[in-house]
Every structure is written in C-alpha cells, then in structure tokens.
Amino acid sequence: MVRPDPDRPGVALAFSLPRRVGGAVIRNRLRRQLREIFRSLERERELAPGDYLLLVGPGAAGASFDSLRGWVIELLDSVGRHR
C-alpha cells in the first residue's frame, strides 16, 4: 500500500512479515535488507515521498539482496512511485 504525501519531507515505512515467512532471524534479516533498499532509493532520489506499507510473503525468505531490490523497484514502478 502506498499513500502519497508530497508535504512529507521523506518516506515512512512499515513492513508486515508474518511468521510463515520464517523464524525471527529470517524476518529481521529481511526487515534490515528492505530498510536498506528503501534508504538507498531515497538517497538516490528515486523514491517519491509518502507512506509505504509492504506486505512480505514467504517467497522472500530465500531471495538475495539484489533480487529483493529488483522486486521492490518493480513493485514501486507498478504503483507509479519510482522516479
């Protein structure tokens, strides 16, 4: 879910990773990786300001950092939030 907020100076993130994604270690690793992906996109000015809620499914548990980044960029392109 994305809620545009042009008045916000940056990006607000929320992640939902249910237990079926994996154990706590896997879920925390995914959260760290996703935060870094969004941080880098924001630094590169490729991410429009707003509120972002990302629902992560079990398929993400075995994904590499590069595939996660590609998946996030593809997702943002599909909702029109990637510059």
Protein backbone atom coordinates (compact mmCIF):
# COMPACT_ATOMS: atom_id res chain seq x y z
CA MET A 1 0.00 0.00 0.00
CA VAL A 2 1.28 3.44 -0.87
CA ARG A 3 -0.16 6.72 0.30
CA PRO A 4 1.33 9.76 -1.44
CA ASP A 5 2.20 12.64 0.84
CA PRO A 6 4.00 15.44 -1.02
CA ASP A 7 4.18 17.52 2.18
CA ARG A 8 6.22 14.82 3.94
CA PRO A 9 9.94 15.54 3.73
CA GLY A 10 10.77 11.87 3.24
CA VAL A 11 9.49 8.34 3.39
CA ALA A 12 7.63 6.49 6.15
CA LEU A 13 7.99 2.70 6.03
CA ALA A 14 6.07 -0.16 7.57
CA PHE A 15 6.63 -3.87 6.92
CA SER A 16 4.40 -6.81 7.62
CA LEU A 17 6.25 -10.13 7.80
CA PRO A 18 4.07 -12.94 9.15
CA ARG A 19 5.59 -15.97 10.86
CA ARG A 20 5.06 -18.13 7.79
CA VAL A 21 7.88 -16.11 6.14
CA GLY A 22 10.30 -17.77 8.56
CA GLY A 23 11.73 -17.56 12.03
CA ALA A 24 12.64 -14.34 13.82
CA VAL A 25 16.18 -14.34 12.43
CA ILE A 26 14.93 -14.54 8.82
CA ARG A 27 12.22 -11.92 9.35
CA ASN A 28 14.67 -9.50 10.99
CA ARG A 29 17.20 -10.02 8.17
CA LEU A 30 14.51 -9.24 5.61
CA ARG A 31 13.49 -6.09 7.52
CA ARG A 32 17.10 -4.87 7.61
CA GLN A 33 17.55 -5.55 3.91
CA LEU A 34 14.29 -3.85 2.95
CA ARG A 35 15.11 -0.79 5.07
CA GLU A 36 18.47 -0.50 3.32
CA ILE A 37 16.84 -0.83 -0.12
CA PHE A 38 14.37 1.95 0.66
CA ARG A 39 17.14 4.07 2.22
CA SER A 40 19.31 3.75 -0.90
CA LEU A 41 16.38 4.54 -3.22
CA GLU A 42 15.57 7.61 -1.13
CA ARG A 43 19.23 8.73 -1.20
CA GLU A 44 19.35 8.33 -4.98
CA ARG A 45 16.16 10.43 -5.23
CA GLU A 46 14.38 7.55 -6.94
CA LEU A 47 11.62 7.29 -4.37
CA ALA A 48 8.69 9.68 -4.14
CA PRO A 49 7.80 10.94 -0.63
CA GLY A 50 4.93 9.21 1.09
CA ASP A 51 3.84 6.37 3.38
CA TYR A 52 4.71 2.82 2.32
CA LEU A 53 3.35 -0.45 3.70
CA LEU A 54 4.99 -3.58 2.33
CA LEU A 55 3.42 -7.00 2.88
CA VAL A 56 6.11 -9.66 2.54
CA GLY A 57 5.29 -13.24 1.61
CA PRO A 58 7.16 -16.49 2.27
CA GLY A 59 8.88 -16.39 -1.14
CA ALA A 60 11.10 -13.54 0.03
CA ALA A 61 12.86 -15.66 2.66
CA GLY A 62 15.32 -17.24 0.22
CA ALA A 63 15.80 -14.22 -2.03
CA SER A 64 19.16 -12.49 -2.44
CA PHE A 65 19.60 -8.79 -1.72
CA ASP A 66 19.76 -7.98 -5.45
CA SER A 67 16.57 -9.89 -6.21
CA LEU A 68 14.80 -8.18 -3.31
CA ARG A 69 15.94 -4.80 -4.64
CA GLY A 70 14.70 -5.68 -8.13
CA TRP A 71 11.39 -6.86 -6.71
CA VAL A 72 10.92 -3.63 -4.72
CA ILE A 73 11.77 -1.45 -7.74
CA GLU A 74 9.37 -3.44 -9.93
CA LEU A 75 6.67 -3.08 -7.28
CA LEU A 76 7.25 0.68 -6.98
CA ASP A 77 7.17 1.02 -10.78
CA SER A 78 3.82 -0.76 -10.89
CA VAL A 79 2.27 1.73 -8.45
CA GLY A 80 4.00 4.73 -10.02
CA ARG A 81 6.16 5.68 -7.02
CA HIS A 82 9.60 5.04 -8.54
CA ARG A 83 11.18 8.01 -10.31
